[in-house]
Amino acid sequence: MSSTLMEGFLPFEHEPYFNFKDEQVAARQRAAFTQVRERYLGQTFPLIVNGQEVQGEGTFDVRNPADTREVVWSFQKATPAQLDEAVQAAQAAFEEWRFTEPFQRATIFKRAAELLRARRMEFNAVMTLENGKNWAEADGEVAESVDHFEVFAREALRWASGKPVYPMPDEHVTTVYEPLGVVACISPWNFPSAIPLGMALGALAAGNTVVWKPASETPLSSYLMIELLFEAGLPRGAVQFLTGTDDVLGDPLVDHPGVRMIAFTGSKEIGCRIYERAARVQPGQKWLKRVIAEMGGKDPTVVCADGDLEAAATGIVQAAFGYSGQKCSACSRVIVEESVYDDLLVRVVEKARGLKVGLPEENADLGPVITQGSAERIQTYVQEGQGRVRLLLGGETPDVGERVGGYVAPTILADVPADDALFQEEIFGPVLAFTKARDWQHAIELANDSEYGLTAAFYSRDPRKIDEARKKMHVGNLYINRKCTGALSGTHAFGGYGMSGTNAKVGGPDYLFWFLQTKTIAQRY
């Protein structure tokens, strides 16, 4: 990118995490929970349509998953008419936002990064109360959101320069990139800040406008982020914020002829449905809709006999049980050479046994899964699997006192066959399956035996084995000698193969291309 465009931008550095072992830092985070409860508890928040705060047709409650008896705040249910109004408002705003200078967009994002840095602990607390992340998991996500602002500021400028072409003797030829239109961003509850923000910033940085539909479990994390963008100078029409029911904001949002593109993160089932519906040309629609989708994973860790078993065990426990296994990148399969299988299994069980299940607001290692229904679904996998495999840890409902929520103990199952549901299906909870491989080549074959292909980890000290893993492991994000979670924006471009999605690679150098269309202009001398 040109030095003129980047003038005033310091070299990018990832936002550092808070050290909660420092008692002064921990005290500030505890105080943030008190402040969030005083400021937001019991409030009802509006829709944002055409720059205005509006009421819907009724409201719904957001409950604290750590104790579902507690209603933390409420949001509006948008009507079909408000959906249509929001899309039309986004179309109107697009006609101005599309022509804004990239440096103006970048400046807004940079200003938003500074605003978020000042409020990180507040955003951490809101997220914990909405989706049950402990302090470190929430802080990691909010820090990633700061990184997103910084990364997309730079990407807005980089893509504005166009690309060179092979010259003609009598023509001046350029290739430039132009925005698409209205992008519907449909996001999940497990990363309610970083995921919708990454999709929305991809759209906005490219010059598109956004209809932002958050998960109903976690809307305040999105609402506050949008208000922060407005405070940073984003025109209020550039983002429409809609909450409500799937019958209004599901298929009708995807089908709307005014929506040019859908950016989605969530389950395979919903992602496939969106992909299919978006392929239909609706009456009045003047384009083929574009879709990006990230749809989950069944992520393996392969451990070779020559690997560092202690490092592998630590990485496995962190990746499998961080945020109670509710990450699309979470390690859910461990595939180990048989000569070190028992040794690694003992290490992992020992480390996992030390994890505390409890209240995320008190920074327990594991909080609840998102709902009681999710906990029951996870326990069904474990109960049905016990007749086929060895249960080494977990399987019971942990004691968390009088609190009501979907608490699931860290669970480890051994000797899981490759054709078993525990090996093949995404469980999305703190359940880890161990499978024995004959040798390291067989371990790679087993790792690839999945319809998913999001992340994987590979532990070995042998350069030849590592080279084979780099070539043959069929995933979008492969990590060598480290855990398979923890992608950093701007460094670990994130997105998978197969049924893990469209491989759009958020936070990477090619991400904005998905939100752009290419124009070739040839002018004869």
Protein backbone atom coordinates (compact mmCIF):
# COMPACT_ATOMS: atom_id res chain seq x y z
CA MET A 1 0.00 0.00 0.00
CA SER A 2 1.20 3.52 -0.64
CA SER A 3 3.12 5.39 2.04
CA THR A 4 0.78 8.38 1.50
CA LEU A 5 -2.31 6.38 2.47
CA MET A 6 -0.60 4.83 5.47
CA GLU A 7 0.85 8.08 6.80
CA GLY A 8 0.29 8.30 10.52
CA PHE A 9 -0.36 4.56 10.99
CA LEU A 10 2.06 2.86 13.36
CA PRO A 11 3.08 -0.74 12.64
CA PHE A 12 0.31 -3.12 13.69
CA GLU A 13 0.64 -4.86 17.06
CA HIS A 14 -1.86 -7.23 18.64
CA GLU A 15 -3.77 -5.90 21.62
CA PRO A 16 -2.24 -7.39 24.80
CA TYR A 17 -4.46 -9.34 27.19
CA PHE A 18 -5.14 -8.28 30.75
CA ASN A 19 -3.20 -10.13 33.45
CA PHE A 20 -5.94 -11.13 35.86
CA LYS A 21 -3.41 -12.71 38.21
CA ASP A 22 -2.51 -9.14 39.13
CA GLU A 23 -4.90 -8.32 41.98
CA GLN A 24 -5.27 -4.69 40.92
CA VAL A 25 -6.32 -5.78 37.42
CA ALA A 26 -8.69 -8.38 38.87
CA ALA A 27 -10.23 -5.76 41.17
CA ARG A 28 -10.92 -3.52 38.17
CA GLN A 29 -12.68 -6.38 36.39
CA ARG A 30 -14.81 -7.14 39.45
CA ALA A 31 -15.72 -3.46 39.63
CA ALA A 32 -16.72 -3.57 35.95
CA PHE A 33 -19.27 -6.28 36.70
CA THR A 34 -20.78 -4.08 39.40
CA GLN A 35 -20.90 -1.11 37.02
CA VAL A 36 -22.48 -3.14 34.21
CA ARG A 37 -25.17 -4.44 36.53
CA GLU A 38 -25.91 -0.93 37.80
CA ARG A 39 -26.00 0.55 34.30
CA TYR A 40 -27.70 -2.12 32.18
CA LEU A 41 -29.51 -4.63 34.38
CA GLY A 42 -33.24 -4.62 33.70
CA GLN A 43 -33.04 -2.25 30.72
CA THR A 44 -34.85 -2.77 27.41
CA PHE A 45 -32.83 -1.84 24.33
CA PRO A 46 -34.15 -0.63 20.97
CA LEU A 47 -33.77 -1.57 17.35
CA ILE A 48 -31.75 0.84 15.19
CA VAL A 49 -33.46 1.49 11.85
CA ASN A 50 -32.55 4.35 9.52
CA GLY A 51 -30.41 5.85 12.25
CA GLN A 52 -33.27 5.97 14.76
CA GLU A 53 -33.90 3.99 17.94
CA VAL A 54 -37.27 2.31 17.47
CA GLN A 55 -39.50 -0.13 19.32
CA GLY A 56 -40.61 -3.44 17.87
CA GLU A 57 -43.69 -5.55 18.40
CA GLY A 58 -43.04 -6.87 21.88
CA THR A 59 -39.76 -7.79 23.57
CA PHE A 60 -37.79 -10.84 24.64
CA ASP A 61 -35.61 -11.43 27.69
CA VAL A 62 -31.91 -12.22 27.76
CA ARG A 63 -30.99 -14.54 30.62
CA ASN A 64 -27.69 -15.10 32.37
CA PRO A 65 -26.66 -18.66 31.34
CA ALA A 66 -24.79 -19.05 34.63
CA ASP A 67 -28.10 -18.74 36.48
CA THR A 68 -31.04 -18.70 34.10
CA ARG A 69 -33.37 -17.39 36.80
CA GLU A 70 -31.78 -13.98 36.24
CA VAL A 71 -33.05 -11.80 33.38
CA VAL A 72 -30.22 -9.39 32.63
CA TRP A 73 -31.83 -7.20 29.94
CA SER A 74 -34.42 -7.25 27.17
CA PHE A 75 -34.54 -6.49 23.45
CA GLN A 76 -37.14 -5.73 20.80
CA LYS A 77 -38.83 -8.08 18.35
CA ALA A 78 -38.61 -6.54 14.89
CA THR A 79 -41.61 -6.74 12.58
CA PRO A 80 -41.59 -7.70 8.88
CA ALA A 81 -42.23 -4.05 8.02
CA GLN A 82 -39.21 -2.98 10.09
CA LEU A 83 -37.04 -5.54 8.30
CA ASP A 84 -38.08 -4.08 4.96
CA GLU A 85 -37.52 -0.54 6.23
CA ALA A 86 -34.05 -1.47 7.51
CA VAL A 87 -32.98 -2.95 4.15
CA GLN A 88 -34.30 0.09 2.29
CA ALA A 89 -32.47 2.39 4.71
CA ALA A 90 -29.26 0.43 4.20
CA GLN A 91 -29.70 0.70 0.43
CA ALA A 92 -30.14 4.46 0.68
CA ALA A 93 -27.09 4.82 2.97
CA PHE A 94 -25.04 2.71 0.56
CA GLU A 95 -25.32 5.39 -2.12
CA GLU A 96 -23.29 7.73 0.09
CA TRP A 97 -21.08 5.35 2.07
CA ARG A 98 -19.84 3.60 -1.08
CA PHE A 99 -18.15 6.82 -2.22
CA THR A 100 -16.50 7.73 1.10
CA GLU A 101 -12.73 7.97 1.04
CA PRO A 102 -11.05 4.79 2.33
CA PHE A 103 -8.96 6.93 4.65
CA GLN A 104 -12.18 8.23 6.23
CA ARG A 105 -13.34 4.65 6.86
CA ALA A 106 -9.94 3.76 8.28
CA THR A 107 -9.98 6.79 10.57
CA ILE A 108 -13.37 5.79 11.98
CA PHE A 109 -12.12 2.26 12.70
CA LYS A 110 -8.96 3.59 14.36
CA ARG A 111 -11.02 5.89 16.55
CA ALA A 112 -13.32 2.98 17.46
CA ALA A 113 -10.28 0.94 18.51
CA GLU A 114 -9.30 3.66 20.96
CA LEU A 115 -12.81 3.87 22.37
CA LEU A 116 -12.95 0.11 22.85
CA ARG A 117 -9.58 0.01 24.57
CA ALA A 118 -10.96 2.37 27.19
CA ARG A 119 -14.05 0.16 27.78
CA ARG A 120 -12.64 -3.34 27.49
CA MET A 121 -13.53 -4.46 30.99
CA GLU A 122 -17.10 -3.22 30.57
CA PHE A 123 -17.44 -5.21 27.34
CA ASN A 124 -15.87 -8.24 29.07
CA ALA A 125 -18.49 -8.10 31.81
CA VAL A 126 -21.41 -7.72 29.41
CA MET A 127 -20.23 -10.75 27.43
CA THR A 128 -19.80 -12.90 30.54
CA LEU A 129 -23.34 -12.11 31.67
CA GLU A 130 -24.72 -12.92 28.20
CA ASN A 131 -22.86 -16.06 27.18
CA GLY A 132 -21.00 -17.39 30.20
CA LYS A 133 -17.38 -16.76 29.22
CA ASN A 134 -14.91 -16.42 32.06
CA TRP A 135 -12.74 -13.33 32.27
CA ALA A 136 -9.85 -14.57 30.15
CA GLU A 137 -12.09 -15.90 27.37
CA ALA A 138 -14.15 -12.70 27.25
CA ASP A 139 -11.05 -10.52 27.36
CA GLY A 140 -9.43 -12.51 24.56
CA GLU A 141 -12.44 -11.86 22.37
CA VAL A 142 -12.70 -8.16 23.17
CA ALA A 143 -8.96 -7.77 22.54
CA GLU A 144 -9.53 -9.48 19.18
CA SER A 145 -12.23 -6.90 18.46
CA VAL A 146 -9.69 -4.14 19.04
CA ASP A 147 -7.39 -5.96 16.61
CA HIS A 148 -10.23 -6.15 14.07
CA PHE A 149 -10.60 -2.36 14.12
CA GLU A 150 -6.88 -1.91 13.55
CA VAL A 151 -6.61 -4.60 10.89
CA PHE A 152 -9.64 -3.47 8.88
CA ALA A 153 -8.47 0.14 8.99
CA ARG A 154 -5.35 -0.97 7.18
CA GLU A 155 -7.21 -3.33 4.85
CA ALA A 156 -9.57 -0.55 3.76
CA LEU A 157 -6.55 1.39 2.55
CA ARG A 158 -4.73 -1.56 1.01
CA TRP A 159 -7.65 -2.61 -1.19
CA ALA A 160 -8.31 0.98 -2.28
CA SER A 161 -5.14 0.96 -4.35
CA GLY A 162 -6.45 -1.55 -6.91
CA LYS A 163 -4.15 -4.04 -8.64
CA PRO A 164 -1.65 -3.58 -11.48
CA VAL A 165 -2.24 -5.26 -14.85
CA TYR A 166 0.01 -6.02 -17.82
CA PRO A 167 0.20 -2.80 -19.87
CA MET A 168 -1.02 -2.05 -23.39
CA PRO A 169 0.90 0.32 -25.69
CA ASP A 170 -2.16 2.44 -26.57
CA GLU A 171 -4.39 2.07 -23.49
CA HIS A 172 -4.33 2.95 -19.85
CA VAL A 173 -5.86 -0.04 -18.05
CA THR A 174 -6.73 -0.29 -14.36
CA THR A 175 -8.37 -2.90 -12.17
CA VAL A 176 -10.32 -1.45 -9.28
CA TYR A 177 -12.62 -2.88 -6.63
CA GLU A 178 -16.11 -1.62 -5.86
CA PRO A 179 -18.55 -2.49 -3.05
CA LEU A 180 -21.58 -4.71 -3.55
CA GLY A 181 -24.46 -3.17 -1.62
CA VAL A 182 -26.34 -4.28 1.52
CA VAL A 183 -24.70 -7.08 3.51
CA ALA A 184 -26.76 -9.04 6.06
CA CYS A 185 -24.49 -10.12 8.94
CA ILE A 186 -25.95 -13.04 10.89
CA SER A 187 -23.87 -13.99 13.89
CA PRO A 188 -23.71 -16.62 16.68
CA TRP A 189 -23.79 -16.35 20.45
CA ASN A 190 -20.40 -17.88 21.20
CA PHE A 191 -18.35 -14.93 19.88
CA PRO A 192 -20.90 -12.08 20.07
CA SER A 193 -18.32 -9.32 19.69
CA ALA A 194 -15.49 -10.47 17.42
CA ILE A 195 -17.47 -12.54 14.90
CA PRO A 196 -20.22 -10.04 13.97
CA LEU A 197 -17.72 -7.20 14.13
CA GLY A 198 -15.30 -8.97 11.78
CA MET A 199 -18.06 -9.62 9.24
CA ALA A 200 -19.47 -6.09 9.55
CA LEU A 201 -16.07 -4.41 9.28
CA GLY A 202 -15.28 -6.47 6.19
CA ALA A 203 -18.46 -5.10 4.64
CA LEU A 204 -17.98 -1.51 5.83
CA ALA A 205 -14.28 -1.33 4.97
CA ALA A 206 -15.16 -2.31 1.42
CA GLY A 207 -17.85 0.40 1.20
CA ASN A 208 -20.96 -1.70 1.80
CA THR A 209 -23.69 -1.09 4.35
CA VAL A 210 -24.88 -3.62 6.93
CA VAL A 211 -28.01 -5.15 8.39
CA TRP A 212 -26.66 -6.57 11.68
CA LYS A 213 -28.68 -9.44 13.16
CA PRO A 214 -27.10 -10.76 16.40
CA ALA A 215 -27.91 -14.00 18.19
CA SER A 216 -30.87 -13.60 20.53
CA GLU A 217 -28.79 -14.94 23.44
CA THR A 218 -26.18 -12.17 23.16
CA PRO A 219 -27.57 -8.94 21.66
CA LEU A 220 -26.07 -6.37 24.04
CA SER A 221 -22.51 -7.27 23.05
CA SER A 222 -23.48 -6.29 19.49
CA TYR A 223 -25.59 -3.26 20.38
CA LEU A 224 -22.78 -1.67 22.39
CA MET A 225 -20.30 -2.31 19.58
CA ILE A 226 -22.56 -0.57 17.06
CA GLU A 227 -23.09 2.40 19.37
CA LEU A 228 -19.31 2.59 19.75
CA LEU A 229 -18.93 2.70 15.95
CA PHE A 230 -21.45 5.53 15.76
CA GLU A 231 -19.56 7.41 18.47
CA ALA A 232 -16.39 6.97 16.40
CA GLY A 233 -18.07 8.72 13.47
CA LEU A 234 -19.74 5.98 11.42
CA PRO A 235 -22.87 7.38 9.71
CA ARG A 236 -25.87 5.97 11.55
CA GLY A 237 -27.47 4.71 8.35
CA ALA A 238 -24.47 2.52 7.54
CA VAL A 239 -25.57 -0.13 10.06
CA GLN A 240 -29.13 -1.25 10.81
CA PHE A 241 -29.54 -3.27 14.03
CA LEU A 242 -32.36 -5.81 14.20
CA THR A 243 -33.24 -8.30 16.92
CA GLY A 244 -36.17 -10.67 17.14
CA THR A 245 -37.53 -14.00 16.00
CA ASP A 246 -36.38 -16.35 13.26
CA ASP A 247 -39.71 -16.21 11.44
CA VAL A 248 -39.04 -12.51 10.78
CA LEU A 249 -35.22 -12.30 10.70
CA GLY A 250 -34.33 -15.77 9.40
CA ASP A 251 -35.46 -16.77 5.92
CA PRO A 252 -37.07 -13.36 5.18
CA LEU A 253 -33.75 -11.56 5.76
CA VAL A 254 -31.85 -14.03 3.57
CA ASP A 255 -34.53 -13.91 0.87
CA HIS A 256 -34.98 -10.13 0.77
CA PRO A 257 -34.34 -8.90 -2.79
CA GLY A 258 -32.57 -5.80 -1.45
CA VAL A 259 -29.88 -7.86 0.31
CA ARG A 260 -26.83 -8.27 -1.91
CA MET A 261 -24.76 -10.57 0.31
CA ILE A 262 -25.09 -12.70 3.44
CA ALA A 263 -22.21 -13.09 5.90
CA PHE A 264 -23.03 -15.91 8.31
CA THR A 265 -21.39 -17.77 11.17
CA GLY A 266 -23.20 -20.60 12.92
CA SER A 267 -24.24 -24.22 12.53
CA LYS A 268 -23.76 -26.37 9.45
CA GLU A 269 -27.52 -26.89 9.16
CA ILE A 270 -28.35 -23.17 9.10
CA GLY A 271 -25.37 -22.33 6.90
CA CYS A 272 -26.45 -24.88 4.29
CA ARG A 273 -30.00 -23.53 4.42
CA ILE A 274 -28.76 -19.98 3.85
CA TYR A 275 -26.53 -21.11 0.98
CA GLU A 276 -29.45 -22.85 -0.71
CA ARG A 277 -31.98 -20.05 -0.23
CA ALA A 278 -29.56 -17.34 -1.32
CA ALA A 279 -29.13 -19.12 -4.66
CA ARG A 280 -32.75 -18.38 -5.57
CA VAL A 281 -33.35 -15.16 -7.48
CA GLN A 282 -36.26 -13.38 -5.82
CA PRO A 283 -38.76 -11.15 -7.69
CA GLY A 284 -37.16 -7.74 -8.14
CA GLN A 285 -33.65 -9.02 -7.37
CA LYS A 286 -31.02 -7.79 -9.83
CA TRP A 287 -28.03 -9.90 -8.81
CA LEU A 288 -26.84 -13.29 -7.73
CA LYS A 289 -26.36 -13.10 -3.98
CA ARG A 290 -22.98 -13.80 -2.51
CA VAL A 291 -22.64 -15.89 0.66
CA ILE A 292 -19.80 -16.39 3.09
CA ALA A 293 -20.41 -18.97 5.80
CA GLU A 294 -18.37 -20.36 8.68
CA MET A 295 -20.14 -23.49 9.90
CA GLY A 296 -18.20 -25.25 12.61
CA GLY A 297 -15.68 -28.04 12.97
CA LYS A 298 -14.65 -31.35 14.44
CA ASP A 299 -11.10 -30.32 15.12
CA PRO A 300 -8.35 -32.89 15.69
CA THR A 301 -5.06 -32.77 17.53
CA VAL A 302 -2.53 -35.29 16.21
CA VAL A 303 0.28 -36.29 18.55
CA CYS A 304 3.24 -38.24 17.17
CA ALA A 305 5.43 -40.50 19.28
CA ASP A 306 8.31 -38.02 19.05
CA GLY A 307 6.15 -35.02 20.05
CA ASP A 308 6.45 -33.05 23.27
CA LEU A 309 3.76 -34.84 25.28
CA GLU A 310 3.62 -32.30 28.09
CA ALA A 311 3.18 -29.40 25.69
CA ALA A 312 0.60 -31.40 23.75
CA ALA A 313 -1.36 -32.22 26.90
CA THR A 314 -1.45 -28.56 27.94
CA GLY A 315 -2.54 -27.43 24.49
CA ILE A 316 -5.21 -30.13 24.25
CA VAL A 317 -6.80 -29.22 27.60
CA GLN A 318 -6.77 -25.52 26.76
CA ALA A 319 -8.28 -26.08 23.30
CA ALA A 320 -10.83 -28.69 24.36
CA PHE A 321 -12.20 -27.09 27.52
CA GLY A 322 -11.69 -23.35 27.04
CA TYR A 323 -15.15 -21.76 27.06
CA SER A 324 -16.58 -25.21 27.80
CA GLY A 325 -15.72 -26.44 24.30
CA GLN A 326 -18.11 -23.98 22.65
CA LYS A 327 -15.74 -22.82 19.93
CA CYS A 328 -15.90 -23.95 16.33
CA SER A 329 -12.10 -24.34 16.59
CA ALA A 330 -12.18 -26.35 19.86
CA CYS A 331 -10.20 -29.58 19.98
CA SER A 332 -12.75 -32.39 20.12
CA ARG A 333 -10.64 -35.30 18.79
CA VAL A 334 -7.17 -36.38 19.92
CA ILE A 335 -5.47 -38.87 17.60
CA VAL A 336 -2.32 -40.40 19.07
CA GLU A 337 0.31 -42.89 17.98
CA GLU A 338 -0.28 -46.04 19.99
CA SER A 339 3.19 -46.11 21.57
CA VAL A 340 2.47 -42.89 23.52
CA TYR A 341 -1.32 -43.14 23.68
CA ASP A 342 -1.61 -44.17 27.35
CA ASP A 343 1.05 -41.71 28.49
CA LEU A 344 -0.66 -38.75 26.84
CA LEU A 345 -4.08 -39.86 28.04
CA VAL A 346 -2.92 -39.88 31.66
CA ARG A 347 -1.43 -36.39 31.30
CA VAL A 348 -4.55 -34.91 29.73
CA VAL A 349 -6.89 -36.49 32.29
CA GLU A 350 -4.75 -35.23 35.14
CA LYS A 351 -4.74 -31.66 33.83
CA ALA A 352 -8.46 -31.66 33.03
CA ARG A 353 -9.30 -33.05 36.46
CA GLY A 354 -7.90 -29.85 37.98
CA LEU A 355 -10.33 -27.57 36.12
CA LYS A 356 -12.97 -25.84 38.20
CA VAL A 357 -16.56 -25.66 36.97
CA GLY A 358 -18.43 -22.70 38.40
CA LEU A 359 -19.63 -19.15 37.95
CA PRO A 360 -17.89 -17.36 35.06
CA GLU A 361 -18.47 -14.02 36.76
CA GLU A 362 -16.16 -15.37 39.47
CA ASN A 363 -13.67 -16.47 36.78
CA ALA A 364 -14.11 -20.24 37.07
CA ASP A 365 -12.20 -22.32 34.51
CA LEU A 366 -15.44 -23.59 32.95
CA GLY A 367 -18.82 -21.95 33.11
CA PRO A 368 -22.09 -23.31 31.74
CA VAL A 369 -22.88 -24.17 28.17
CA ILE A 370 -25.26 -21.68 26.63
CA THR A 371 -28.59 -23.35 27.56
CA GLN A 372 -29.97 -26.25 29.55
CA GLY A 373 -31.10 -27.79 26.27
CA SER A 374 -27.52 -27.72 25.00
CA ALA A 375 -26.35 -29.44 28.17
CA GLU A 376 -28.94 -32.18 27.76
CA ARG A 377 -27.94 -32.73 24.13
CA ILE A 378 -24.27 -32.98 25.12
CA GLN A 379 -25.02 -35.41 27.94
CA THR A 380 -26.98 -37.60 25.52
CA TYR A 381 -23.83 -38.03 23.41
CA VAL A 382 -21.86 -39.01 26.50
CA GLN A 383 -24.49 -41.39 27.91
CA GLU A 384 -25.00 -43.16 24.61
CA GLY A 385 -21.25 -43.40 24.04
CA GLN A 386 -20.45 -45.03 27.37
CA GLY A 387 -21.57 -48.41 26.11
CA ARG A 388 -19.08 -48.22 23.24
CA VAL A 389 -16.03 -46.45 24.67
CA ARG A 390 -14.21 -45.85 27.97
CA LEU A 391 -15.31 -42.90 30.10
CA LEU A 392 -12.25 -41.60 31.95
CA LEU A 393 -13.46 -38.24 33.24
CA GLY A 394 -16.76 -36.42 33.59
CA GLY A 395 -20.14 -37.70 32.58
CA GLU A 396 -21.81 -36.22 35.64
CA THR A 397 -23.52 -32.89 36.31
CA PRO A 398 -21.15 -30.76 38.40
CA ASP A 399 -22.29 -29.22 41.68
CA VAL A 400 -22.67 -25.45 41.32
CA GLY A 401 -24.94 -24.90 44.29
CA GLU A 402 -28.41 -23.47 43.77
CA ARG A 403 -27.65 -21.92 40.39
CA VAL A 404 -29.73 -23.07 37.44
CA GLY A 405 -27.88 -23.50 34.16
CA GLY A 406 -26.42 -25.91 31.65
CA TYR A 407 -23.32 -26.98 33.53
CA VAL A 408 -21.34 -29.87 32.04
CA ALA A 409 -18.19 -31.33 33.57
CA PRO A 410 -15.04 -31.71 31.44
CA THR A 411 -15.47 -35.12 29.84
CA ILE A 412 -12.86 -37.43 28.30
CA LEU A 413 -13.70 -40.61 26.40
CA ALA A 414 -11.03 -43.07 25.26
CA ASP A 415 -10.74 -45.72 22.54
CA VAL A 416 -13.26 -43.98 20.28
CA PRO A 417 -13.59 -45.65 16.84
CA ALA A 418 -13.34 -43.47 13.75
CA ASP A 419 -16.90 -44.32 12.68
CA ASP A 420 -18.42 -43.36 16.03
CA ALA A 421 -20.63 -40.28 16.42
CA LEU A 422 -18.24 -39.04 19.12
CA PHE A 423 -15.50 -38.95 16.48
CA GLN A 424 -17.54 -37.61 13.56
CA GLU A 425 -20.22 -35.22 14.87
CA GLU A 426 -19.77 -31.72 16.25
CA ILE A 427 -20.90 -31.85 19.88
CA PHE A 428 -20.07 -28.24 20.81
CA GLY A 429 -19.36 -28.85 24.45
CA PRO A 430 -16.57 -29.94 26.82
CA VAL A 431 -16.32 -33.48 25.43
CA LEU A 432 -13.02 -34.88 24.18
CA ALA A 433 -12.58 -38.14 22.25
CA PHE A 434 -9.26 -40.04 22.23
CA THR A 435 -8.49 -42.36 19.30
CA LYS A 436 -5.43 -44.58 18.79
CA ALA A 437 -3.47 -44.55 15.50
CA ARG A 438 -1.09 -47.25 14.24
CA ASP A 439 1.51 -44.67 13.25
CA TRP A 440 1.76 -41.00 12.40
CA GLN A 441 0.64 -41.47 8.78
CA HIS A 442 -2.46 -43.28 10.00
CA ALA A 443 -3.04 -40.43 12.46
CA ILE A 444 -3.13 -37.93 9.59
CA GLU A 445 -5.58 -40.16 7.71
CA LEU A 446 -7.85 -40.27 10.76
CA ALA A 447 -7.60 -36.51 11.22
CA ASN A 448 -8.81 -36.04 7.64
CA ASP A 449 -11.70 -38.48 8.16
CA SER A 450 -14.29 -35.76 8.68
CA GLU A 451 -16.73 -33.68 6.68
CA TYR A 452 -15.32 -30.66 8.49
CA GLY A 453 -11.96 -29.00 7.96
CA LEU A 454 -11.59 -25.95 10.17
CA THR A 455 -8.58 -26.24 12.51
CA ALA A 456 -6.10 -28.92 13.56
CA ALA A 457 -2.98 -29.21 15.68
CA PHE A 458 0.02 -31.45 14.96
CA TYR A 459 2.71 -32.25 17.52
CA SER A 460 6.05 -33.63 16.34
CA ARG A 461 9.75 -32.73 16.46
CA ASP A 462 10.50 -34.43 13.13
CA PRO A 463 10.78 -31.96 10.19
CA ARG A 464 9.80 -34.69 7.70
CA LYS A 465 6.57 -35.46 9.57
CA ILE A 466 5.80 -31.78 9.95
CA ASP A 467 6.30 -31.27 6.22
CA GLU A 468 3.87 -34.12 5.47
CA ALA A 469 1.32 -32.68 7.90
CA ARG A 470 1.58 -29.25 6.25
CA LYS A 471 0.85 -30.83 2.87
CA LYS A 472 -1.76 -33.43 3.75
CA MET A 473 -3.85 -32.23 6.68
CA HIS A 474 -7.06 -30.93 5.11
CA VAL A 475 -7.96 -27.90 7.21
CA GLY A 476 -8.08 -24.15 6.80
CA ASN A 477 -5.98 -23.50 9.92
CA LEU A 478 -3.17 -25.90 10.83
CA TYR A 479 -1.12 -25.29 13.97
CA ILE A 480 2.19 -27.05 14.49
CA ASN A 481 3.26 -27.74 18.07
CA ARG A 482 0.61 -25.46 19.56
CA LYS A 483 -3.10 -25.61 20.39
CA CYS A 484 -5.74 -25.42 17.65
CA THR A 485 -7.62 -22.43 19.14
CA GLY A 486 -6.58 -18.81 19.52
CA ALA A 487 -6.42 -17.36 16.00
CA LEU A 488 -5.27 -13.74 16.00
CA SER A 489 -6.79 -11.19 13.63
CA GLY A 490 -4.35 -10.07 10.98
CA THR A 491 -2.07 -13.06 11.55
CA HIS A 492 -4.04 -16.32 11.55
CA ALA A 493 -6.54 -15.82 8.72
CA PHE A 494 -9.47 -17.91 9.93
CA GLY A 495 -11.82 -20.13 7.92
CA GLY A 496 -12.15 -23.77 6.98
CA TYR A 497 -12.54 -26.40 4.29
CA GLY A 498 -15.38 -28.79 3.52
CA MET A 499 -18.50 -28.36 5.63
CA SER A 500 -16.66 -25.88 7.84
CA GLY A 501 -17.66 -23.23 5.32
CA THR A 502 -16.61 -21.11 2.40
CA ASN A 503 -13.02 -20.47 3.53
CA ALA A 504 -13.45 -16.69 3.48
CA LYS A 505 -10.59 -16.29 6.03
CA VAL A 506 -11.62 -13.42 8.29
CA GLY A 507 -8.70 -11.34 9.49
CA GLY A 508 -6.63 -12.34 6.46
CA PRO A 509 -5.25 -10.47 3.45
CA ASP A 510 -7.95 -11.74 1.06
CA TYR A 511 -11.04 -11.26 3.22
CA LEU A 512 -12.18 -7.95 1.74
CA PHE A 513 -12.28 -9.48 -1.74
CA TRP A 514 -15.44 -11.34 -0.72
CA PHE A 515 -17.18 -7.99 -0.13
CA LEU A 516 -16.06 -6.42 -3.42
CA GLN A 517 -16.62 -6.72 -7.14
CA THR A 518 -13.92 -6.11 -9.73
CA LYS A 519 -14.07 -3.47 -12.45
CA THR A 520 -11.61 -3.26 -15.36
CA ILE A 521 -11.33 0.18 -16.97
CA ALA A 522 -9.48 0.61 -20.28
CA GLN A 523 -8.96 4.10 -21.69
CA ARG A 524 -7.36 4.53 -25.10
CA TYR A 525 -4.76 7.27 -25.40
